[in-house]
């Protein structure tokens, strides 16, 4: 079986318009619809909620997250 390497920006491009979970330095997590990003992994999320455990604790709406604070980005369920 042959696996083709995926570039991180290609993976993010495919996730545009989808819900993602974003983990930040300091342990905060946000879930929202990925509406944009740039080469520095600065992210624009819409309909954003702050998540603690598996529950939303605060609604932020549209949010810009600076790329150097991002630890991970994962498809949200």
PDB file of N, CA and C in Angstrom:
ATOM      1  N   UNK A   1       0.839  -1.170   0.000  1.00  0.00           N
ATOM      2  CA  UNK A   1       0.000   0.000   0.000  1.00  0.00           C
ATOM      3  C   UNK A   1       0.891   1.242   0.000  1.00  0.00           C
ATOM      4  N   UNK A   2       0.592   2.200  -0.868  1.00  0.00           N
ATOM      5  CA  UNK A   2       1.376   3.428  -0.974  1.00  0.00           C
ATOM      6  C   UNK A   2       0.589   4.580  -0.366  1.00  0.00           C
ATOM      7  N   UNK A   3       1.236   5.335   0.517  1.00  0.00           N
ATOM      8  CA  UNK A   3       0.620   6.507   1.121  1.00  0.00           C
ATOM      9  C   UNK A   3       1.276   7.757   0.552  1.00  0.00           C
ATOM     10  N   UNK A   4       0.467   8.696   0.119  1.00  0.00           N
ATOM     11  CA  UNK A   4       1.002   9.961  -0.373  1.00  0.00           C
ATOM     12  C   UNK A   4       1.061  10.936   0.807  1.00  0.00           C
ATOM     13  N   UNK A   5       2.152  11.640   0.915  1.00  0.00           N
ATOM     14  CA  UNK A   5       2.296  12.634   1.972  1.00  0.00           C
ATOM     15  C   UNK A   5       1.307  13.769   1.735  1.00  0.00           C
ATOM     16  N   UNK A   6       0.722  14.240   2.825  1.00  0.00           N
ATOM     17  CA  UNK A   6      -0.204  15.365   2.743  1.00  0.00           C
ATOM     18  C   UNK A   6       0.457  16.582   3.360  1.00  0.00           C
ATOM     19  N   UNK A   7       0.353  17.691   2.677  1.00  0.00           N
ATOM     20  CA  UNK A   7       0.901  18.925   3.226  1.00  0.00           C
ATOM     21  C   UNK A   7      -0.120  19.536   4.172  1.00  0.00           C
ATOM     22  N   UNK A   8       0.323  20.104   5.301  1.00  0.00           N
ATOM     23  CA  UNK A   8      -0.613  20.654   6.288  1.00  0.00           C
ATOM     24  C   UNK A   8      -1.587  21.678   5.711  1.00  0.00           C
ATOM     25  N   UNK A   9      -1.133  22.559   4.840  1.00  0.00           N
ATOM     26  CA  UNK A   9      -2.038  23.560   4.282  1.00  0.00           C
ATOM     27  C   UNK A   9      -3.082  22.922   3.369  1.00  0.00           C
ATOM     28  N   UNK A  10      -2.740  21.809   2.710  1.00  0.00           N
ATOM     29  CA  UNK A  10      -3.723  21.091   1.901  1.00  0.00           C
ATOM     30  C   UNK A  10      -4.815  20.491   2.790  1.00  0.00           C
ATOM     31  N   UNK A  11      -4.420  19.943   3.923  1.00  0.00           N
ATOM     32  CA  UNK A  11      -5.385  19.369   4.862  1.00  0.00           C
ATOM     33  C   UNK A  11      -6.314  20.469   5.376  1.00  0.00           C
ATOM     34  N   UNK A  12      -5.751  21.618   5.731  1.00  0.00           N
ATOM     35  CA  UNK A  12      -6.585  22.731   6.193  1.00  0.00           C
ATOM     36  C   UNK A  12      -7.517  23.220   5.086  1.00  0.00           C
ATOM     37  N   UNK A  13      -7.035  23.269   3.877  1.00  0.00           N
ATOM     38  CA  UNK A  13      -7.864  23.717   2.761  1.00  0.00           C
ATOM     39  C   UNK A  13      -9.080  22.809   2.589  1.00  0.00           C
ATOM     40  N   UNK A  14      -8.891  21.506   2.749  1.00  0.00           N
ATOM     41  CA  UNK A  14     -10.013  20.572   2.648  1.00  0.00           C
ATOM     42  C   UNK A  14     -10.991  20.724   3.810  1.00  0.00           C
ATOM     43  N   UNK A  15     -10.518  21.249   4.944  1.00  0.00           N
ATOM     44  CA  UNK A  15     -11.371  21.426   6.122  1.00  0.00           C
ATOM     45  C   UNK A  15     -12.159  22.733   6.092  1.00  0.00           C
ATOM     46  N   UNK A  16     -11.899  23.610   5.119  1.00  0.00           N
ATOM     47  CA  UNK A  16     -12.638  24.874   5.043  1.00  0.00           C
ATOM     48  C   UNK A  16     -14.136  24.608   4.988  1.00  0.00           C
ATOM     49  N   UNK A  17     -14.874  25.348   5.792  1.00  0.00           N
ATOM     50  CA  UNK A  17     -16.320  25.190   5.851  1.00  0.00           C
ATOM     51  C   UNK A  17     -16.780  24.094   6.779  1.00  0.00           C
ATOM     52  N   UNK A  18     -15.843  23.352   7.360  1.00  0.00           N
ATOM     53  CA  UNK A  18     -16.169  22.256   8.278  1.00  0.00           C
ATOM     54  C   UNK A  18     -15.877  22.668   9.717  1.00  0.00           C
ATOM     55  N   UNK A  19     -16.467  21.937  10.631  1.00  0.00           N
ATOM     56  CA  UNK A  19     -16.240  22.167  12.049  1.00  0.00           C
ATOM     57  C   UNK A  19     -14.885  21.571  12.451  1.00  0.00           C
ATOM     58  N   UNK A  20     -14.094  22.343  13.201  1.00  0.00           N
ATOM     59  CA  UNK A  20     -12.792  21.889  13.688  1.00  0.00           C
ATOM     60  C   UNK A  20     -12.677  22.179  15.179  1.00  0.00           C
ATOM     61  N   UNK A  21     -11.834  21.418  15.824  1.00  0.00           N
ATOM     62  CA  UNK A  21     -11.476  21.645  17.222  1.00  0.00           C
ATOM     63  C   UNK A  21     -10.046  22.162  17.220  1.00  0.00           C
ATOM     64  N   UNK A  22      -9.808  23.283  17.904  1.00  0.00           N
ATOM     65  CA  UNK A  22      -8.491  23.913  17.929  1.00  0.00           C
ATOM     66  C   UNK A  22      -8.008  23.977  19.375  1.00  0.00           C
ATOM     67  N   UNK A  23      -6.839  23.400  19.631  1.00  0.00           N
ATOM     68  CA  UNK A  23      -6.218  23.468  20.952  1.00  0.00           C
ATOM     69  C   UNK A  23      -5.131  24.518  20.954  1.00  0.00           C
ATOM     70  N   UNK A  24      -5.101  25.322  22.019  1.00  0.00           N
ATOM     71  CA  UNK A  24      -4.137  26.415  22.129  1.00  0.00           C
ATOM     72  C   UNK A  24      -3.165  26.193  23.270  1.00  0.00           C
ATOM     73  N   UNK A  25      -2.031  26.867  23.191  1.00  0.00           N
ATOM     74  CA  UNK A  25      -1.103  26.883  24.322  1.00  0.00           C
ATOM     75  C   UNK A  25      -1.885  27.361  25.543  1.00  0.00           C
ATOM     76  N   UNK A  26      -1.586  26.799  26.688  1.00  0.00           N
ATOM     77  CA  UNK A  26      -2.300  27.170  27.903  1.00  0.00           C
ATOM     78  C   UNK A  26      -3.509  26.289  28.168  1.00  0.00           C
ATOM     79  N   UNK A  27      -3.844  25.399  27.207  1.00  0.00           N
ATOM     80  CA  UNK A  27      -4.890  24.420  27.450  1.00  0.00           C
ATOM     81  C   UNK A  27      -6.290  24.791  26.989  1.00  0.00           C
ATOM     82  N   UNK A  28      -6.519  25.988  26.472  1.00  0.00           N
ATOM     83  CA  UNK A  28      -7.862  26.344  26.002  1.00  0.00           C
ATOM     84  C   UNK A  28      -8.166  25.640  24.688  1.00  0.00           C
ATOM     85  N   UNK A  29      -9.438  25.301  24.488  1.00  0.00           N
ATOM     86  CA  UNK A  29      -9.879  24.653  23.256  1.00  0.00           C
ATOM     87  C   UNK A  29     -11.111  25.365  22.720  1.00  0.00           C
ATOM     88  N   UNK A  30     -11.165  25.471  21.388  1.00  0.00           N
ATOM     89  CA  UNK A  30     -12.283  26.118  20.721  1.00  0.00           C
ATOM     90  C   UNK A  30     -12.775  25.227  19.597  1.00  0.00           C
ATOM     91  N   UNK A  31     -14.101  25.241  19.394  1.00  0.00           N
ATOM     92  CA  UNK A  31     -14.708  24.504  18.291  1.00  0.00           C
ATOM     93  C   UNK A  31     -15.491  25.500  17.444  1.00  0.00           C
ATOM     94  N   UNK A  32     -15.282  25.454  16.126  1.00  0.00           N
ATOM     95  CA  UNK A  32     -16.004  26.339  15.229  1.00  0.00           C
ATOM     96  C   UNK A  32     -15.814  25.921  13.792  1.00  0.00           C
ATOM     97  N   UNK A  33     -16.494  26.622  12.905  1.00  0.00           N
ATOM     98  CA  UNK A  33     -16.400  26.340  11.478  1.00  0.00           C
ATOM     99  C   UNK A  33     -15.210  27.104  10.907  1.00  0.00           C
ATOM    100  N   UNK A  34     -14.277  26.380  10.311  1.00  0.00           N
ATOM    101  CA  UNK A  34     -13.078  26.992   9.737  1.00  0.00           C
ATOM    102  C   UNK A  34     -13.470  27.751   8.471  1.00  0.00           C
ATOM    103  N   UNK A  35     -13.337  29.085   8.516  1.00  0.00           N
ATOM    104  CA  UNK A  35     -13.713  29.878   7.342  1.00  0.00           C
ATOM    105  C   UNK A  35     -12.508  30.481   6.638  1.00  0.00           C
ATOM    106  N   UNK A  36     -11.315  30.403   7.252  1.00  0.00           N
ATOM    107  CA  UNK A  36     -10.127  30.902   6.587  1.00  0.00           C
ATOM    108  C   UNK A  36      -8.867  30.633   7.394  1.00  0.00           C
ATOM    109  N   UNK A  37      -7.734  30.699   6.688  1.00  0.00           N
ATOM    110  CA  UNK A  37      -6.424  30.535   7.318  1.00  0.00           C
ATOM    111  C   UNK A  37      -5.384  31.111   6.370  1.00  0.00           C
ATOM    112  N   UNK A  38      -4.169  31.324   6.888  1.00  0.00           N
ATOM    113  CA  UNK A  38      -3.070  31.774   6.040  1.00  0.00           C
ATOM    114  C   UNK A  38      -1.858  30.879   6.262  1.00  0.00           C
ATOM    115  N   UNK A  39      -0.751  31.228   5.621  1.00  0.00           N
ATOM    116  CA  UNK A  39       0.438  30.384   5.692  1.00  0.00           C
ATOM    117  C   UNK A  39       1.069  30.329   7.088  1.00  0.00           C
ATOM    118  N   UNK A  40       0.680  31.232   7.979  1.00  0.00           N
ATOM    119  CA  UNK A  40       1.179  31.235   9.364  1.00  0.00           C
ATOM    120  C   UNK A  40       0.242  30.460  10.289  1.00  0.00           C
ATOM    121  N   UNK A  41      -0.776  29.840   9.726  1.00  0.00           N
ATOM    122  CA  UNK A  41      -1.812  29.091  10.434  1.00  0.00           C
ATOM    123  C   UNK A  41      -2.643  30.007  11.328  1.00  0.00           C
ATOM    124  N   UNK A  42      -2.674  31.307  11.022  1.00  0.00           N
ATOM    125  CA  UNK A  42      -3.681  32.168  11.632  1.00  0.00           C
ATOM    126  C   UNK A  42      -5.021  31.649  11.120  1.00  0.00           C
ATOM    127  N   UNK A  43      -5.978  31.484  12.028  1.00  0.00           N
ATOM    128  CA  UNK A  43      -7.248  30.858  11.686  1.00  0.00           C
ATOM    129  C   UNK A  43      -8.404  31.828  11.871  1.00  0.00           C
ATOM    130  N   UNK A  44      -9.417  31.708  11.042  1.00  0.00           N
ATOM    131  CA  UNK A  44     -10.686  32.403  11.240  1.00  0.00           C
ATOM    132  C   UNK A  44     -11.735  31.327  11.454  1.00  0.00           C
ATOM    133  N   UNK A  45     -12.381  31.359  12.614  1.00  0.00           N
ATOM    134  CA  UNK A  45     -13.447  30.425  12.940  1.00  0.00           C
ATOM    135  C   UNK A  45     -14.752  31.194  13.075  1.00  0.00           C
ATOM    136  N   UNK A  46     -15.834  30.603  12.608  1.00  0.00           N
ATOM    137  CA  UNK A  46     -17.168  31.163  12.782  1.00  0.00           C
ATOM    138  C   UNK A  46     -17.958  30.260  13.719  1.00  0.00           C
ATOM    139  N   UNK A  47     -18.987  30.845  14.358  1.00  0.00           N
ATOM    140  CA  UNK A  47     -19.835  30.073  15.280  1.00  0.00           C
ATOM    141  C   UNK A  47     -18.976  29.360  16.318  1.00  0.00           C
ATOM    142  N   UNK A  48     -18.031  30.095  16.892  1.00  0.00           N
ATOM    143  CA  UNK A  48     -17.009  29.516  17.767  1.00  0.00           C
ATOM    144  C   UNK A  48     -17.496  29.391  19.203  1.00  0.00           C
ATOM    145  N   UNK A  49     -17.250  28.230  19.795  1.00  0.00           N
ATOM    146  CA  UNK A  49     -17.528  27.966  21.202  1.00  0.00           C
ATOM    147  C   UNK A  49     -16.230  27.607  21.898  1.00  0.00           C
ATOM    148  N   UNK A  50     -16.067  28.081  23.143  1.00  0.00           N
ATOM    149  CA  UNK A  50     -14.971  27.595  23.975  1.00  0.00           C
ATOM    150  C   UNK A  50     -15.433  26.291  24.613  1.00  0.00           C
ATOM    151  N   UNK A  51     -14.566  25.298  24.608  1.00  0.00           N
ATOM    152  CA  UNK A  51     -14.904  23.953  25.069  1.00  0.00           C
ATOM    153  C   UNK A  51     -14.115  23.623  26.335  1.00  0.00           C
ATOM    154  N   UNK A  52     -14.824  23.090  27.332  1.00  0.00           N
ATOM    155  CA  UNK A  52     -14.185  22.509  28.530  1.00  0.00           C
ATOM    156  C   UNK A  52     -14.735  21.103  28.665  1.00  0.00           C
ATOM    157  N   UNK A  53     -13.850  20.119  28.690  1.00  0.00           N
ATOM    158  CA  UNK A  53     -14.312  18.735  28.648  1.00  0.00           C
ATOM    159  C   UNK A  53     -14.923  18.501  27.285  1.00  0.00           C
ATOM    160  N   UNK A  54     -16.179  18.147  27.256  1.00  0.00           N
ATOM    161  CA  UNK A  54     -16.874  17.966  25.974  1.00  0.00           C
ATOM    162  C   UNK A  54     -18.034  18.940  25.836  1.00  0.00           C
ATOM    163  N   UNK A  55     -18.072  19.981  26.694  1.00  0.00           N
ATOM    164  CA  UNK A  55     -19.202  20.901  26.688  1.00  0.00           C
ATOM    165  C   UNK A  55     -18.773  22.315  26.322  1.00  0.00           C
ATOM    166  N   UNK A  56     -19.630  22.995  25.573  1.00  0.00           N
ATOM    167  CA  UNK A  56     -19.408  24.402  25.249  1.00  0.00           C
ATOM    168  C   UNK A  56     -19.721  25.232  26.484  1.00  0.00           C
ATOM    169  N   UNK A  57     -18.812  26.132  26.854  1.00  0.00           N
ATOM    170  CA  UNK A  57     -19.029  26.959  28.038  1.00  0.00           C
ATOM    171  C   UNK A  57     -19.227  28.434  27.692  1.00  0.00           C
ATOM    172  N   UNK A  58     -18.811  28.841  26.482  1.00  0.00           N
ATOM    173  CA  UNK A  58     -18.992  30.237  26.096  1.00  0.00           C
ATOM    174  C   UNK A  58     -19.015  30.327  24.579  1.00  0.00           C
ATOM    175  N   UNK A  59     -19.909  31.163  24.041  1.00  0.00           N
ATOM    176  CA  UNK A  59     -20.033  31.375  22.593  1.00  0.00           C
ATOM    177  C   UNK A  59     -19.315  32.675  22.241  1.00  0.00           C
ATOM    178  N   UNK A  60     -18.436  32.615  21.214  1.00  0.00           N
ATOM    179  CA  UNK A  60     -17.711  33.789  20.761  1.00  0.00           C
ATOM    180  C   UNK A  60     -18.136  34.264  19.377  1.00  0.00           C
ATOM    181  N   UNK A  61     -18.789  33.439  18.596  1.00  0.00           N
ATOM    182  CA  UNK A  61     -19.129  33.829  17.229  1.00  0.00           C
ATOM    183  C   UNK A  61     -17.894  33.750  16.350  1.00  0.00           C
ATOM    184  N   UNK A  62     -17.588  34.829  15.603  1.00  0.00           N
ATOM    185  CA  UNK A  62     -16.414  34.844  14.729  1.00  0.00           C
ATOM    186  C   UNK A  62     -15.166  35.170  15.540  1.00  0.00           C
ATOM    187  N   UNK A  63     -14.100  34.418  15.287  1.00  0.00           N
ATOM    188  CA  UNK A  63     -12.874  34.570  16.061  1.00  0.00           C
ATOM    189  C   UNK A  63     -11.665  34.406  15.148  1.00  0.00           C
ATOM    190  N   UNK A  64     -10.651  35.227  15.362  1.00  0.00           N
ATOM    191  CA  UNK A  64      -9.350  35.068  14.702  1.00  0.00           C
ATOM    192  C   UNK A  64      -8.384  34.538  15.744  1.00  0.00           C
ATOM    193  N   UNK A  65      -7.721  33.442  15.423  1.00  0.00           N
ATOM    194  CA  UNK A  65      -6.760  32.822  16.340  1.00  0.00           C
ATOM    195  C   UNK A  65      -5.374  32.927  15.721  1.00  0.00           C
ATOM    196  N   UNK A  66      -4.452  33.489  16.464  1.00  0.00           N
ATOM    197  CA  UNK A  66      -3.081  33.645  15.986  1.00  0.00           C
ATOM    198  C   UNK A  66      -2.400  32.285  15.878  1.00  0.00           C
ATOM    199  N   UNK A  67      -1.758  32.039  14.754  1.00  0.00           N
ATOM    200  CA  UNK A  67      -1.179  30.741  14.460  1.00  0.00           C
ATOM    201  C   UNK A  67      -0.127  30.265  15.436  1.00  0.00           C
ATOM    202  N   UNK A  68       0.652  31.186  16.024  1.00  0.00           N
ATOM    203  CA  UNK A  68       1.713  30.719  16.925  1.00  0.00           C
ATOM    204  C   UNK A  68       1.181  30.248  18.276  1.00  0.00           C
ATOM    205  N   UNK A  69      -0.120  30.397  18.516  1.00  0.00           N
ATOM    206  CA  UNK A  69      -0.701  29.881  19.753  1.00  0.00           C
ATOM    207  C   UNK A  69      -1.382  28.525  19.556  1.00  0.00           C
ATOM    208  N   UNK A  70      -1.447  28.050  18.315  1.00  0.00           N
ATOM    209  CA  UNK A  70      -2.146  26.800  18.004  1.00  0.00           C
ATOM    210  C   UNK A  70      -1.240  25.598  18.287  1.00  0.00           C
ATOM    211  N   UNK A  71      -1.786  24.642  19.040  1.00  0.00           N
ATOM    212  CA  UNK A  71      -1.102  23.378  19.317  1.00  0.00           C
ATOM    213  C   UNK A  71      -1.596  22.302  18.367  1.00  0.00           C
ATOM    214  N   UNK A  72      -2.926  22.243  18.151  1.00  0.00           N
ATOM    215  CA  UNK A  72      -3.479  21.255  17.223  1.00  0.00           C
ATOM    216  C   UNK A  72      -4.756  21.762  16.597  1.00  0.00           C
ATOM    217  N   UNK A  73      -5.088  21.184  15.431  1.00  0.00           N
ATOM    218  CA  UNK A  73      -6.362  21.415  14.757  1.00  0.00           C
ATOM    219  C   UNK A  73      -6.874  20.040  14.352  1.00  0.00           C
ATOM    220  N   UNK A  74      -8.118  19.751  14.738  1.00  0.00           N
ATOM    221  CA  UNK A  74      -8.672  18.422  14.494  1.00  0.00           C
ATOM    222  C   UNK A  74     -10.117  18.556  14.017  1.00  0.00           C
ATOM    223  N   UNK A  75     -10.571  17.662  13.154  1.00  0.00           N
ATOM    224  CA  UNK A  75     -11.989  17.666  12.792  1.00  0.00           C
ATOM    225  C   UNK A  75     -12.831  17.483  14.061  1.00  0.00           C
ATOM    226  N   UNK A  76     -13.872  18.304  14.207  1.00  0.00           N
ATOM    227  CA  UNK A  76     -14.747  18.209  15.392  1.00  0.00           C
ATOM    228  C   UNK A  76     -15.874  17.235  15.099  1.00  0.00           C
ATOM    229  N   UNK A  77     -16.412  16.651  16.157  1.00  0.00           N
ATOM    230  CA  UNK A  77     -17.519  15.705  16.002  1.00  0.00           C
ATOM    231  C   UNK A  77     -18.788  16.328  16.473  1.00  0.00           C
TER     232      UNK A  77
END
